[in-house]
Protein backbone atom coordinates (compact mmCIF):
# COMPACT_ATOMS: atom_id res chain seq x y z
CA MET A 1 -20.32 -18.27 5.24
CA SER A 2 -21.29 -17.67 8.53
CA CYS A 3 -19.79 -20.04 11.09
CA THR A 4 -23.09 -22.15 11.03
CA THR A 5 -22.93 -24.05 7.84
CA ASN A 6 -26.62 -24.12 6.58
CA VAL A 7 -27.35 -27.16 4.60
CA LEU A 8 -30.60 -28.24 2.28
CA VAL A 9 -31.69 -31.56 1.66
CA LEU A 10 -33.63 -31.71 -0.72
CA CYS A 11 -35.57 -34.35 -2.88
CA THR A 12 -38.93 -34.43 -4.54
CA GLY A 13 -41.71 -35.60 -1.44
CA ASN A 14 -39.66 -34.37 1.02
CA SER A 15 -41.44 -36.78 3.37
CA ALA A 16 -38.41 -39.68 3.42
CA ARG A 17 -34.88 -38.75 2.56
CA SER A 18 -34.04 -35.50 2.86
CA ILE A 19 -36.28 -35.38 6.66
CA LEU A 20 -33.71 -38.24 7.28
CA GLY A 21 -31.07 -35.68 5.71
CA GLU A 22 -32.22 -32.77 8.02
CA ALA A 23 -32.65 -34.17 11.23
CA ILE A 24 -29.46 -35.89 10.93
CA VAL A 25 -27.97 -33.15 10.83
CA ASN A 26 -28.93 -31.54 13.31
CA HIS A 27 -27.82 -34.33 15.51
CA LEU A 28 -24.17 -34.56 14.00
CA GLY A 29 -23.78 -30.74 13.49
CA GLN A 30 -24.28 -29.62 17.23
CA GLY A 31 -25.03 -26.27 16.37
CA ARG A 32 -21.75 -25.78 13.44
CA PHE A 33 -24.29 -27.35 11.07
CA GLN A 34 -27.90 -26.46 10.60
CA GLY A 35 -30.08 -29.08 8.68
CA PHE A 36 -32.75 -28.15 6.68
CA SER A 37 -35.05 -30.01 4.34
CA ALA A 38 -37.68 -29.72 1.13
CA GLY A 39 -39.30 -31.16 -1.83
CA SER A 40 -39.98 -30.05 -4.96
CA ALA A 41 -43.63 -31.53 -4.65
CA PRO A 42 -44.28 -32.07 -1.78
CA LYS A 43 -46.17 -34.58 -0.69
CA GLY A 44 -47.95 -33.03 3.10
CA GLN A 45 -46.72 -34.93 5.90
CA VAL A 46 -43.44 -36.43 6.91
CA HIS A 47 -43.57 -40.64 6.05
CA PRO A 48 -44.23 -42.17 9.91
CA GLY A 49 -41.62 -45.14 8.41
CA ALA A 50 -39.32 -41.64 8.84
CA LEU A 51 -40.92 -40.76 12.45
CA ARG A 52 -40.38 -43.73 13.77
CA LEU A 53 -36.94 -44.76 13.05
CA LEU A 54 -36.28 -40.99 13.90
CA ALA A 55 -37.93 -41.90 16.92
CA ARG A 56 -36.01 -45.16 17.94
CA HIS A 57 -32.87 -42.73 17.49
CA GLY A 58 -34.16 -40.42 19.81
CA TYR A 59 -34.08 -37.38 17.46
CA PRO A 60 -36.17 -34.70 17.76
CA THR A 61 -39.26 -34.82 15.35
CA ASP A 62 -41.15 -31.63 17.02
CA ASP A 63 -40.05 -29.42 14.13
CA LEU A 64 -40.22 -31.48 11.21
CA ARG A 65 -42.67 -31.01 8.54
CA SER A 66 -43.28 -31.54 4.81
CA LYS A 67 -42.53 -28.48 3.00
CA SER A 68 -41.48 -26.28 -1.30
CA TRP A 69 -38.35 -25.44 -1.60
CA ASP A 70 -39.81 -22.40 -3.09
CA GLU A 71 -39.87 -21.41 0.73
CA PHE A 72 -35.74 -21.37 0.15
CA ALA A 73 -35.86 -19.38 -2.68
CA GLU A 74 -37.40 -16.12 -0.63
CA GLY A 75 -35.55 -13.36 0.40
CA LYS A 76 -36.47 -13.89 4.42
CA ALA A 77 -35.34 -17.73 4.19
CA PRO A 78 -32.16 -18.32 5.19
CA SER A 79 -28.71 -18.04 2.81
CA MET A 80 -27.58 -22.18 2.60
CA ASP A 81 -23.84 -22.75 2.73
CA ILE A 82 -24.24 -26.40 0.18
CA VAL A 83 -27.89 -28.29 -0.77
CA ILE A 84 -27.73 -31.49 -1.78
CA THR A 85 -30.70 -33.94 -3.55
CA VAL A 86 -30.65 -37.47 -2.51
CA CYS A 87 -32.94 -38.55 -4.85
CA ASP A 88 -32.64 -39.20 -8.44
CA ASN A 89 -35.64 -36.94 -9.62
CA ALA A 90 -34.96 -33.62 -7.35
CA GLY A 91 -31.45 -33.81 -9.03
CA GLY A 92 -32.09 -33.58 -12.28
CA GLU A 93 -34.40 -31.31 -12.14
CA VAL A 94 -34.19 -27.22 -12.32
CA CYS A 95 -34.10 -26.33 -8.99
CA PRO A 96 -34.51 -22.49 -7.79
CA VAL A 97 -31.80 -19.98 -7.07
CA TRP A 98 -30.99 -20.24 -4.13
CA SER A 99 -29.32 -17.10 -2.05
CA GLY A 100 -25.74 -17.10 -1.74
CA THR A 101 -23.94 -19.43 -3.34
CA PRO A 102 -24.35 -22.42 -1.80
CA ILE A 103 -21.91 -25.79 -3.26
CA LYS A 104 -24.09 -28.15 -4.52
CA ALA A 105 -23.84 -31.98 -4.42
CA HIS A 106 -26.44 -34.85 -5.43
CA TRP A 107 -26.62 -38.13 -3.33
CA GLY A 108 -28.91 -40.33 -5.02
CA LEU A 109 -30.32 -43.29 -1.99
CA PRO A 110 -33.23 -45.44 -2.57
CA ASP A 111 -36.29 -43.76 -1.38
CA PRO A 112 -37.78 -46.50 1.72
CA ALA A 113 -40.73 -44.34 1.12
CA ALA A 114 -41.48 -46.83 -1.34
CA VAL A 115 -40.51 -49.75 -0.01
CA THR A 116 -43.82 -52.20 0.79
CA GLY A 117 -44.13 -54.76 3.07
CA ASP A 118 -44.81 -55.59 6.93
CA GLY A 119 -43.46 -52.79 8.67
CA ALA A 120 -40.01 -54.88 9.81
CA THR A 121 -39.41 -54.47 5.87
CA VAL A 122 -40.54 -50.54 5.82
CA ASP A 123 -38.10 -49.91 9.45
CA ALA A 124 -35.37 -51.87 7.26
CA ALA A 125 -35.32 -49.59 4.72
CA PHE A 126 -35.79 -47.07 6.60
CA GLU A 127 -32.68 -47.99 8.90
CA ALA A 128 -30.88 -48.36 5.32
CA THR A 129 -31.50 -44.78 4.49
CA HIS A 130 -30.55 -43.37 7.70
CA ASP A 131 -27.28 -45.46 8.24
CA ALA A 132 -26.16 -44.55 4.41
CA LEU A 133 -27.42 -40.48 4.99
CA THR A 134 -25.10 -40.85 8.20
CA ARG A 135 -21.78 -42.13 6.84
CA ARG A 136 -22.44 -39.38 4.20
CA ILE A 137 -23.05 -36.07 6.73
CA ALA A 138 -20.34 -37.60 9.15
CA LYS A 139 -18.22 -36.93 6.85
CA LEU A 140 -19.19 -33.79 5.01
CA ILE A 141 -19.17 -32.12 8.77
CA GLU A 142 -14.97 -33.20 8.41
CA LEU A 143 -15.18 -30.94 5.47
CA PRO A 144 -13.55 -28.11 5.67
CA ILE A 145 -15.95 -25.40 4.91
CA HIS A 146 -15.00 -22.69 6.43
CA ASN A 147 -11.76 -22.75 4.89
CA ARG A 148 -11.32 -19.56 2.54
CA GLU A 149 -8.16 -21.71 1.17
CA VAL A 150 -9.77 -25.16 -0.36
CA PRO A 151 -12.06 -23.79 -3.22
CA ALA A 152 -15.85 -24.19 -2.91
CA MET A 153 -15.39 -26.48 -6.65
CA ALA A 154 -12.80 -28.65 -4.14
CA VAL A 155 -15.49 -28.87 -1.66
CA ARG A 156 -18.09 -29.69 -3.83
CA GLN A 157 -15.70 -32.34 -5.74
CA ARG A 158 -15.22 -34.15 -2.39
CA LEU A 159 -18.75 -34.10 -1.11
CA GLN A 160 -19.93 -35.97 -4.03
CA ASP A 161 -16.33 -38.41 -3.91
CA ILE A 162 -18.07 -39.82 -0.79
CA HIS A 163 -20.85 -40.19 -1.84
CA ASP A 164 -19.18 -42.32 -4.53
CA GLU A 165 -16.90 -43.65 -2.07
CA MET A 166 -20.12 -44.48 0.48
CA SER A 167 -21.99 -46.03 -2.55
CA GLU A 168 -19.32 -48.39 -3.42
CA HIS A 169 -18.29 -49.80 0.50
CA GLU A 170 -22.57 -50.36 0.61
CA ASN A 171 -22.97 -51.80 -2.45
CA THR A 172 -19.96 -54.28 -1.85
CA ASP A 173 -21.48 -54.83 1.66
CA MET A 174 -24.69 -56.16 -0.05
CA GLU A 175 -22.99 -57.99 -2.45
CA HIS A 176 -21.74 -60.18 0.52
CA ARG A 177 -24.94 -60.31 1.92
CA ALA A 178 -26.60 -61.95 -1.05
């Protein structure tokens, strides 16, 4: 792995969750981690709710676009160190062959783009997804990714544990609010 850890966040439509993941990795990674996103069947545009959320939080959005994961399977694409699926559809799909040997994990999260209702309801769904991804990615960037003494399988398991621990915590929070 290089000094910069490349993280590809995948979802089917690449319009909401994976876009948020890309932006959060780039923000929290502070140059040590480079975020990318893609989808198996990209919508072709970033969801307006994702753009509103990112603007509210001060993330740059000019370079964000909905794109196919095929772009990252081509020879000229950067080699990925970590590939994370964030929706259940992409987690179960046959992914392209990635350059190198990326560590893979699945962090299934509800799709805020599927939420209907008024602007406040949609924005709240995007905030919840942003918060869930931020907690997971903050833990990801603490992992000893470049420590060759830590086997890739151990890092992969820790990535999955991060999601499982956060999901359990988030579900407990939801139960207390109900």
